[in-house]
Protein backbone atom coordinates (compact mmCIF):
# COMPACT_ATOMS: atom_id res chain seq x y z
CA MET A 1 -33.25 -15.85 -3.73
CA PRO A 2 -30.61 -15.28 -1.26
CA LYS A 3 -27.07 -14.48 -2.55
CA ALA A 4 -24.69 -17.00 -2.05
CA TYR A 5 -20.99 -16.11 -0.39
CA ALA A 6 -17.79 -18.20 0.23
CA ILE A 7 -15.35 -16.70 2.58
CA VAL A 8 -11.61 -17.20 1.98
CA GLY A 9 -9.52 -16.45 5.34
CA THR A 10 -11.27 -17.69 8.39
CA GLY A 11 -9.28 -15.65 10.94
CA GLY A 12 -10.51 -12.92 13.48
CA ARG A 13 -11.46 -10.33 10.56
CA ALA A 14 -14.01 -12.93 8.95
CA ARG A 15 -16.39 -13.03 12.02
CA MET A 16 -18.17 -9.72 11.46
CA PHE A 17 -19.24 -11.19 7.88
CA TYR A 18 -20.50 -14.51 8.87
CA GLU A 19 -22.20 -13.24 11.92
CA SER A 20 -23.97 -10.90 9.79
CA ILE A 21 -24.90 -13.40 7.04
CA LEU A 22 -25.98 -15.99 9.61
CA GLY A 23 -27.89 -13.59 11.85
CA PRO A 24 -29.61 -10.59 10.81
CA HIS A 25 -29.28 -10.99 7.16
CA ARG A 26 -30.08 -14.67 6.65
CA ASP A 27 -33.30 -14.07 4.23
CA HIS A 28 -30.93 -12.01 1.98
CA ALA A 29 -27.88 -14.04 2.24
CA LYS A 30 -26.45 -17.47 2.47
CA LEU A 31 -22.79 -18.58 3.25
CA VAL A 32 -21.74 -21.77 1.00
CA ALA A 33 -18.22 -22.35 1.78
CA LEU A 34 -15.18 -21.68 3.97
CA CYS A 35 -11.43 -21.52 2.42
CA ASP A 36 -8.40 -21.15 4.43
CA THR A 37 -4.90 -22.45 4.65
CA ASN A 38 -5.52 -24.07 8.04
CA GLN A 39 -7.97 -26.70 8.45
CA THR A 40 -8.11 -26.44 12.19
CA ARG A 41 -9.09 -22.82 11.93
CA MET A 42 -12.12 -23.66 9.40
CA ASP A 43 -13.03 -26.47 11.68
CA TYR A 44 -13.26 -23.97 14.66
CA THR A 45 -15.37 -21.38 12.47
CA ASN A 46 -17.88 -24.17 11.74
CA ARG A 47 -18.16 -24.92 15.64
CA VAL A 48 -19.02 -21.24 16.04
CA ILE A 49 -21.36 -21.49 13.10
CA VAL A 50 -23.28 -24.45 14.30
CA GLU A 51 -23.06 -23.83 18.17
CA GLU A 52 -23.31 -20.15 18.69
CA LEU A 53 -25.17 -18.91 15.26
CA SER A 54 -27.41 -21.91 14.74
CA GLY A 55 -26.14 -22.41 11.23
CA GLU A 56 -25.26 -25.53 9.33
CA LYS A 57 -21.74 -26.96 9.18
CA LEU A 58 -20.06 -25.91 5.90
CA PRO A 59 -18.14 -27.27 3.52
CA THR A 60 -14.38 -26.41 3.60
CA TYR A 61 -11.56 -26.02 1.20
CA LYS A 62 -7.73 -25.65 1.61
CA ALA A 63 -6.30 -22.50 -0.11
CA ASP A 64 -4.75 -24.49 -2.92
CA ALA A 65 -8.47 -25.90 -3.61
CA PHE A 66 -9.98 -22.28 -4.02
CA ALA A 67 -10.72 -22.74 -7.56
CA THR A 68 -12.68 -26.16 -6.98
CA MET A 69 -14.52 -24.25 -4.16
CA ILE A 70 -15.82 -21.65 -6.52
CA ALA A 71 -16.71 -24.59 -9.24
CA GLU A 72 -18.41 -26.60 -6.63
CA ARG A 73 -20.31 -24.16 -4.39
CA LYS A 74 -21.17 -21.51 -7.11
CA PRO A 75 -20.72 -18.48 -4.74
CA ASP A 76 -22.49 -15.39 -6.23
CA THR A 77 -19.46 -13.32 -4.42
CA VAL A 78 -16.48 -14.11 -2.67
CA ILE A 79 -15.45 -12.39 0.82
CA VAL A 80 -11.73 -11.98 0.99
CA THR A 81 -10.41 -11.90 4.64
CA SER A 82 -6.96 -13.48 4.33
CA ILE A 83 -3.52 -11.76 5.19
CA ASP A 84 -3.21 -8.71 3.25
CA ARG A 85 -0.58 -9.72 0.77
CA THR A 86 -2.69 -12.48 -0.64
CA HIS A 87 -5.70 -10.37 -1.33
CA HIS A 88 -5.00 -10.05 -4.71
CA HIS A 89 -4.64 -13.77 -5.68
CA TYR A 90 -8.15 -14.40 -4.42
CA ILE A 91 -9.73 -11.32 -5.84
CA ILE A 92 -8.31 -11.81 -9.15
CA ALA A 93 -9.17 -15.59 -9.18
CA ALA A 94 -12.62 -14.89 -8.00
CA LEU A 95 -13.28 -12.20 -10.64
CA GLU A 96 -12.01 -14.64 -13.68
CA ALA A 97 -14.37 -17.28 -12.39
CA GLY A 98 -17.27 -14.99 -12.57
CA CYS A 99 -17.79 -13.77 -9.18
CA ASP A 100 -18.01 -10.56 -7.56
CA VAL A 101 -15.79 -9.79 -4.56
CA ILE A 102 -16.12 -7.97 -0.98
CA THR A 103 -12.77 -7.40 0.25
CA GLU A 104 -11.28 -6.36 3.56
CA LYS A 105 -9.12 -3.26 3.49
CA PRO A 106 -6.32 -2.76 2.38
CA MET A 107 -7.32 -4.05 -1.06
CA THR A 108 -3.72 -4.85 -1.44
CA THR A 109 -0.31 -4.07 -0.37
CA ASP A 110 1.66 -2.65 -3.20
CA PRO A 111 1.62 -0.90 -6.77
CA GLU A 112 2.02 -4.22 -8.91
CA LYS A 113 -0.93 -5.95 -7.19
CA CYS A 114 -3.12 -2.98 -7.07
CA GLN A 115 -2.56 -2.65 -11.00
CA ALA A 116 -3.37 -6.31 -11.49
CA ILE A 117 -6.49 -6.00 -9.52
CA LEU A 118 -7.66 -2.90 -11.73
CA ASP A 119 -6.72 -4.81 -14.60
CA ALA A 120 -8.82 -7.90 -13.78
CA VAL A 121 -11.50 -5.81 -12.87
CA GLU A 122 -11.42 -3.93 -16.46
CA ARG A 123 -11.20 -7.41 -18.04
CA THR A 124 -13.98 -9.35 -16.44
CA GLY A 125 -16.41 -6.57 -15.87
CA ARG A 126 -17.28 -7.77 -12.32
CA ASN A 127 -17.20 -5.83 -9.07
CA VAL A 128 -15.00 -5.31 -6.18
CA ARG A 129 -16.24 -3.67 -3.03
CA VAL A 130 -14.02 -2.61 -0.13
CA THR A 131 -15.30 -2.56 3.32
CA PHE A 132 -14.79 1.04 4.39
CA ASN A 133 -16.98 0.76 7.31
CA TYR A 134 -15.74 4.04 8.90
CA ARG A 135 -17.31 5.86 6.31
CA TYR A 136 -20.99 4.96 7.61
CA ALA A 137 -20.24 5.83 11.29
CA PRO A 138 -22.59 8.79 11.79
CA HIS A 139 -20.11 11.26 12.89
CA ASN A 140 -17.88 10.54 9.84
CA SER A 141 -21.01 10.65 7.71
CA ALA A 142 -22.06 14.02 9.38
CA LEU A 143 -18.57 15.56 8.71
CA ARG A 144 -18.86 14.64 5.06
CA GLU A 145 -22.26 16.39 4.87
CA LEU A 146 -21.25 19.41 6.31
CA ILE A 147 -18.18 19.80 4.06
CA ALA A 148 -20.69 19.09 1.00
CA GLU A 149 -23.10 21.74 2.34
CA GLY A 150 -20.44 24.53 2.24
CA ALA A 151 -20.43 25.03 6.18
CA ILE A 152 -16.69 26.02 5.84
CA GLY A 153 -16.61 26.98 2.14
CA GLN A 154 -13.86 25.58 0.01
CA VAL A 155 -11.40 23.18 2.05
CA THR A 156 -7.97 24.29 2.15
CA SER A 157 -6.14 22.09 4.68
CA VAL A 158 -6.64 18.93 7.02
CA HIS A 159 -4.87 18.10 10.24
CA PHE A 160 -5.47 14.45 10.84
CA GLU A 161 -4.05 12.56 14.20
CA TRP A 162 -4.70 9.14 14.83
CA LEU A 163 -3.83 7.37 18.03
CA LEU A 164 -3.49 3.67 18.42
CA ASP A 165 -3.21 2.35 22.12
CA THR A 166 -0.88 0.24 23.87
CA ARG A 167 -3.52 -2.48 23.71
CA HIS A 168 -4.65 -2.40 20.06
CA GLY A 169 -1.62 -0.39 18.84
CA ALA A 170 0.67 -3.31 20.34
CA ASP A 171 -1.54 -5.83 18.50
CA TYR A 172 -0.03 -5.23 15.39
CA PHE A 173 3.52 -6.00 16.62
CA ARG A 174 2.50 -9.55 17.68
CA ARG A 175 0.93 -10.54 14.53
CA TRP A 176 1.65 -11.25 10.91
CA HIS A 177 1.29 -7.56 10.46
CA ARG A 178 4.78 -6.84 11.96
CA ASP A 179 6.29 -8.08 8.66
CA LYS A 180 6.06 -5.23 6.18
CA ARG A 181 5.89 -7.78 3.27
CA ASN A 182 2.50 -9.20 4.81
CA SER A 183 0.61 -5.76 5.64
CA GLY A 184 2.52 -3.01 4.06
CA GLY A 185 3.13 -1.68 7.37
CA LEU A 186 0.49 0.71 9.43
CA MET A 187 0.50 3.22 6.43
CA VAL A 188 -1.22 0.53 4.24
CA HIS A 189 -2.97 -1.82 6.44
CA LYS A 190 -4.44 0.39 9.13
CA SER A 191 -4.13 4.10 7.55
CA THR A 192 -5.79 2.85 4.32
CA HIS A 193 -9.26 3.38 6.62
CA HIS A 194 -8.03 7.29 7.35
CA PHE A 195 -6.61 8.19 4.03
CA ASP A 196 -10.05 6.83 2.49
CA LEU A 197 -11.71 9.06 4.87
CA VAL A 198 -10.06 12.13 3.79
CA ASN A 199 -10.71 11.17 0.02
CA PHE A 200 -14.44 10.81 0.94
CA TRP A 201 -14.81 13.92 2.75
CA LEU A 202 -12.96 16.06 0.44
CA GLY A 203 -14.26 14.31 -2.86
CA SER A 204 -10.43 14.35 -4.14
CA GLN A 205 -7.85 12.09 -4.28
CA PRO A 206 -3.88 12.34 -3.54
CA ASP A 207 -1.57 13.78 -5.89
CA THR A 208 1.88 14.18 -4.22
CA VAL A 209 2.68 12.30 -0.70
CA PHE A 210 5.96 13.28 1.43
CA GLY A 211 6.50 11.27 4.76
CA MET A 212 8.73 10.20 7.39
CA GLY A 213 8.24 7.04 9.47
CA ASP A 214 10.58 4.83 12.12
CA LEU A 215 10.03 2.32 14.93
CA LYS A 216 10.73 4.30 17.69
CA PHE A 217 8.68 2.22 20.84
CA TYR A 218 8.27 -1.47 19.75
CA GLY A 219 11.20 -3.91 18.95
CA ARG A 220 14.26 -5.11 21.06
CA ALA A 221 16.54 -2.25 20.29
CA ASN A 222 14.03 0.39 21.61
CA ALA A 223 13.07 -1.62 24.68
CA GLU A 224 16.61 -2.15 25.87
CA GLU A 225 17.36 1.33 25.43
CA ARG A 226 14.78 2.18 27.80
CA GLY A 227 16.22 -0.63 30.10
CA VAL A 228 13.48 -3.13 29.37
CA PHE A 229 14.72 -6.68 28.72
CA THR A 230 12.22 -9.34 27.44
CA PRO A 231 14.43 -12.43 26.58
CA TYR A 232 11.39 -14.60 24.92
CA THR A 233 10.11 -14.56 21.45
CA ARG A 234 6.50 -15.42 22.35
CA THR A 235 4.51 -14.97 25.59
CA THR A 236 1.84 -17.73 26.02
CA GLY A 237 3.25 -20.11 28.53
CA VAL A 238 6.46 -18.24 28.92
CA ALA A 239 7.10 -17.82 32.70
CA ALA A 240 9.14 -14.77 32.19
CA ALA A 241 6.65 -13.06 30.49
CA LYS A 242 4.13 -13.18 33.25
CA GLY A 243 4.65 -9.66 34.30
CA ASP A 244 5.03 -8.00 31.01
CA LYS A 245 2.12 -5.81 30.50
CA PHE A 246 2.28 -6.27 26.65
CA ALA A 247 1.97 -10.22 26.82
CA ILE A 248 -1.01 -12.02 25.91
CA ASP A 249 -2.03 -15.41 26.58
CA LEU A 250 -3.72 -17.34 23.81
CA THR A 251 -5.10 -19.98 26.01
CA ALA A 252 -6.86 -17.51 28.25
CA ASN A 253 -9.47 -16.35 25.31
CA PRO A 254 -11.69 -19.17 23.67
CA VAL A 255 -11.58 -17.27 20.43
CA GLN A 256 -7.74 -16.81 20.23
CA LYS A 257 -7.22 -20.49 21.54
CA GLY A 258 -9.52 -22.00 18.85
CA LEU A 259 -8.29 -19.87 15.93
CA TYR A 260 -4.65 -19.65 16.83
CA TRP A 261 -3.45 -21.49 19.66
CA GLU A 262 -4.97 -25.07 18.59
CA ALA A 263 -4.24 -24.32 14.87
CA GLU A 264 -0.53 -23.49 15.17
CA LYS A 265 0.47 -27.09 14.71
CA GLU A 266 -0.73 -26.83 11.38
CA ASP A 267 1.36 -23.94 10.03
CA GLY A 268 3.54 -22.90 13.05
CA TYR A 269 1.99 -19.31 13.02
CA GLN A 270 2.43 -17.68 16.40
CA ARG A 271 -0.11 -14.90 17.14
CA ASP A 272 1.47 -13.91 20.39
CA GLN A 273 5.06 -12.84 19.37
CA ASN A 274 6.78 -10.46 21.79
CA VAL A 275 6.27 -6.82 20.71
CA PHE A 276 9.84 -6.23 22.20
CA GLY A 277 11.27 -8.90 20.18
CA ASP A 278 13.39 -8.96 16.90
CA GLY A 279 11.93 -9.26 13.41
CA ILE A 280 9.83 -6.10 13.34
CA SER A 281 9.90 -4.27 9.71
CA ILE A 282 7.03 -2.01 10.16
CA GLU A 283 6.91 1.57 11.68
CA ASP A 284 4.95 2.56 14.90
CA THR A 285 5.62 6.41 14.53
CA MET A 286 4.63 8.03 10.97
CA SER A 287 3.96 11.36 9.85
CA VAL A 288 2.82 12.40 6.26
CA MET A 289 2.07 15.26 4.03
CA VAL A 290 -0.39 14.87 1.05
CA ARG A 291 -1.39 17.51 -1.51
CA TYR A 292 -4.90 16.58 -3.11
CA ARG A 293 -6.04 16.97 -6.64
CA ASN A 294 -8.43 19.87 -5.31
CA LYS A 295 -5.28 21.64 -3.96
CA ALA A 296 -5.92 20.80 -0.55
CA VAL A 297 -3.04 19.68 1.71
CA MET A 298 -2.99 17.43 4.95
CA THR A 299 -0.73 16.81 7.59
CA TYR A 300 -1.41 13.22 9.34
CA SER A 301 0.22 11.36 11.80
CA LEU A 302 -0.07 7.92 13.36
CA TYR A 303 1.44 6.45 16.24
CA ALA A 304 0.72 2.96 17.84
CA TYR A 305 1.82 3.52 21.79
CA ALA A 306 -0.77 5.95 22.74
CA PRO A 307 -2.35 6.36 26.17
CA TRP A 308 -5.82 6.62 24.39
CA GLU A 309 -7.46 5.23 21.33
CA GLY A 310 -9.21 7.39 18.76
CA PHE A 311 -8.45 10.42 16.62
CA ASN A 312 -8.78 14.25 16.31
CA VAL A 313 -9.27 15.81 12.84
CA ALA A 314 -9.52 19.60 11.95
CA ILE A 315 -10.51 20.56 8.37
CA ASN A 316 -9.91 24.36 7.59
CA GLY A 317 -11.44 26.11 4.64
CA THR A 318 -12.29 29.48 3.30
CA GLY A 319 -15.46 29.56 5.35
CA GLY A 320 -14.39 28.24 8.72
CA ARG A 321 -13.23 25.11 10.24
CA LEU A 322 -14.52 21.59 11.62
CA GLU A 323 -13.02 19.80 14.41
CA LEU A 324 -13.80 16.26 15.20
CA THR A 325 -12.55 14.41 18.18
CA VAL A 326 -13.68 10.62 18.62
CA HIS A 327 -12.49 8.39 21.59
CA GLU A 328 -12.78 4.58 20.73
CA ASN A 329 -12.96 1.55 22.56
CA SER A 330 -9.56 -0.26 22.87
CA TYR A 331 -9.57 -3.83 21.61
CA ILE A 332 -7.60 -6.92 20.50
CA ASN A 333 -8.45 -8.45 17.32
CA ALA A 334 -10.34 -11.80 17.92
CA GLY A 335 -10.35 -10.90 21.85
CA ALA A 336 -14.07 -10.27 21.80
CA GLY A 337 -17.22 -9.74 19.52
CA SER A 338 -16.73 -7.73 16.48
CA GLU A 339 -19.34 -5.20 17.71
CA THR A 340 -16.59 -3.94 20.22
CA GLU A 341 -13.90 -3.34 17.48
CA GLY A 342 -13.63 0.47 17.19
CA ALA A 343 -16.68 1.19 19.04
CA ALA A 344 -17.10 5.33 19.71
CA LYS A 345 -16.83 5.92 23.49
CA GLY A 346 -17.13 9.71 23.00
CA VAL A 347 -17.85 11.95 19.95
CA LYS A 348 -17.41 15.88 19.84
CA LEU A 349 -17.95 17.79 16.47
CA TYR A 350 -17.43 21.36 16.37
CA HIS A 351 -18.13 24.03 13.49
CA PHE A 352 -16.30 27.29 13.80
CA PRO A 353 -17.78 29.63 10.96
CA LEU A 354 -15.38 32.29 9.85
CA HIS A 355 -17.60 34.91 11.06
CA GLY A 356 -20.06 34.22 13.81
CA GLU A 357 -20.55 31.90 17.02
CA PRO A 358 -19.09 28.45 17.10
CA ARG A 359 -21.34 25.41 17.70
CA VAL A 360 -21.29 22.20 18.81
CA VAL A 361 -23.01 19.85 16.14
CA PRO A 362 -25.36 17.24 17.29
CA VAL A 363 -24.23 13.68 16.06
CA LYS A 364 -26.18 10.50 16.56
CA HIS A 365 -24.11 8.03 18.52
CA GLY A 366 -23.53 4.92 16.28
CA GLU A 367 -23.73 1.81 18.25
CA GLY A 368 -21.37 -1.26 17.39
CA GLY A 369 -18.21 -1.67 15.75
CA HIS A 370 -16.28 1.07 13.99
CA GLY A 371 -18.34 3.91 15.49
CA GLY A 372 -21.49 2.31 14.32
CA GLY A 373 -20.45 1.95 10.78
CA ASP A 374 -20.38 -1.80 10.88
CA LYS A 375 -24.14 -2.15 11.05
CA ILE A 376 -24.95 0.11 8.65
CA MET A 377 -22.57 -1.03 6.09
CA LEU A 378 -23.44 -4.69 6.36
CA GLU A 379 -27.11 -3.89 6.16
CA GLU A 380 -26.33 -2.17 2.64
CA ILE A 381 -24.12 -5.08 1.68
CA PHE A 382 -26.25 -8.23 2.81
CA GLY A 383 -29.55 -6.89 3.81
CA ASN A 384 -32.14 -4.62 1.84
CA ALA A 385 -31.13 -1.15 2.72
CA THR A 386 -31.05 1.37 0.03
CA PRO A 387 -27.39 2.05 -0.58
CA ARG A 388 -26.25 5.56 0.11
CA PRO A 389 -24.87 7.30 -2.85
CA GLY A 390 -21.45 7.66 -2.60
CA TYR A 391 -20.72 5.53 0.26
CA GLY A 392 -19.91 2.06 -1.15
CA ALA A 393 -16.25 1.91 -1.84
CA ASN A 394 -15.20 0.06 -5.25
CA HIS A 395 -12.02 -1.15 -6.31
CA ARG A 396 -10.99 2.60 -7.70
CA ASP A 397 -11.49 3.89 -3.97
CA GLY A 398 -9.70 1.03 -2.56
CA ALA A 399 -6.60 1.72 -4.96
CA LEU A 400 -6.71 5.32 -4.25
CA SER A 401 -6.56 4.69 -0.13
CA ILE A 402 -3.68 2.48 -0.37
CA LEU A 403 -1.86 4.64 -2.86
CA THR A 404 -1.13 7.31 -0.07
CA GLY A 405 0.33 4.78 2.21
CA ILE A 406 2.04 3.02 -0.68
CA ALA A 407 3.45 6.41 -1.74
CA ALA A 408 4.04 7.38 2.18
CA ASN A 409 6.19 4.00 2.31
CA LYS A 410 8.21 4.97 -0.66
CA SER A 411 8.90 8.36 0.74
CA PHE A 412 10.13 6.81 4.08
CA ALA A 413 12.54 4.86 2.12
CA THR A 414 14.12 7.65 -0.35
CA GLY A 415 13.47 10.52 1.53
CA LEU A 416 11.83 12.20 -1.48
CA PRO A 417 8.05 13.45 -2.31
CA VAL A 418 6.07 10.79 -4.55
CA ASP A 419 3.86 11.73 -7.42
CA VAL A 420 1.06 9.04 -6.89
CA LYS A 421 -0.17 8.88 -10.55
CA THR A 422 3.51 7.29 -11.14
CA LEU A 423 2.60 4.24 -9.06
CA VAL A 424 -0.77 2.83 -10.74
CA LYS A 425 -2.48 3.75 -14.11
CA LEU A 426 -6.07 4.53 -12.89
């Protein structure tokens, strides 16, 4: 009997899930309902399901009818792909209604909401899975396996640098993410992926966090200081934005047109806000230090206006060093198929023993989104693939990943280190 799923939040992030359910895993999973704040967006999703994926039109429920949807459609699991600040609401309501939950990262955005989710899991005995697809990318798996095998002895330090280019990175400053109340900033919304990878690689958890972050490139003040003047709030249909390399036209892309331009009349949400405008409260340049329970330390940086997309990570130990460099495909959310998001273009993994010759570690190229991690993870969630021990992320993993970013945000504000265990009771 196929498991029944309902999706809440039908923006660009939802597509990866419903394509998987209605495509390669339709024998093991079925989609029974859609839920969103915006009816136009759900209607567009239904057209894609029927016309592109050969599925049947699904019942739709506005957000205030979420409980009714669960009662009527009886999903086994609810998939949460709504705005980050609303994740906790749907996760907790689904758990209390007797459903399991699959949620996009980040699990939530602040300590209070995180604690409420943890308490709900404890209270209901239901399961929450956080979709950390990067764990499954072959290059990230290989790094974990080398560490577990003792290739570099005991890990002592990590240097991790993530680069978002001026296509992908800029996109966070056009959308709802630009308001820190919605997303927790990039330290929570984006870096949760990276902090989870370090927890995953090291088999440890964050203990103390110190960080500094600022808005140095995007925003009106920064642009005008460089002599760039963009006197418009959005870019679609704006003549003055025609020469702006950071502008997007929502009518030029059928997915963005259907999900956002045509849906705007319902809620006023503008998907194409000027990245050099006012109202941005998130950082674009961030540096963080973390001490882990196993005494390893990490230096981490993220900036969102890089000339290329991807990351460098170096892991040092008592027996040597590992270096991983990954160049990724640049993308804009809902700008193309989900298989292009974070696709790996080039991967190099090096092992430097403390004594002996360095070597290039052969790594299988992962096809598809997030370094090939999407396909492997989705087969485990919706198909019949045997789960890989230690790979599926639960509510505790979701909490530990965001707590590094939440602590970093607190450190940005206070200038002081943060003891992670003071934020949430795990």
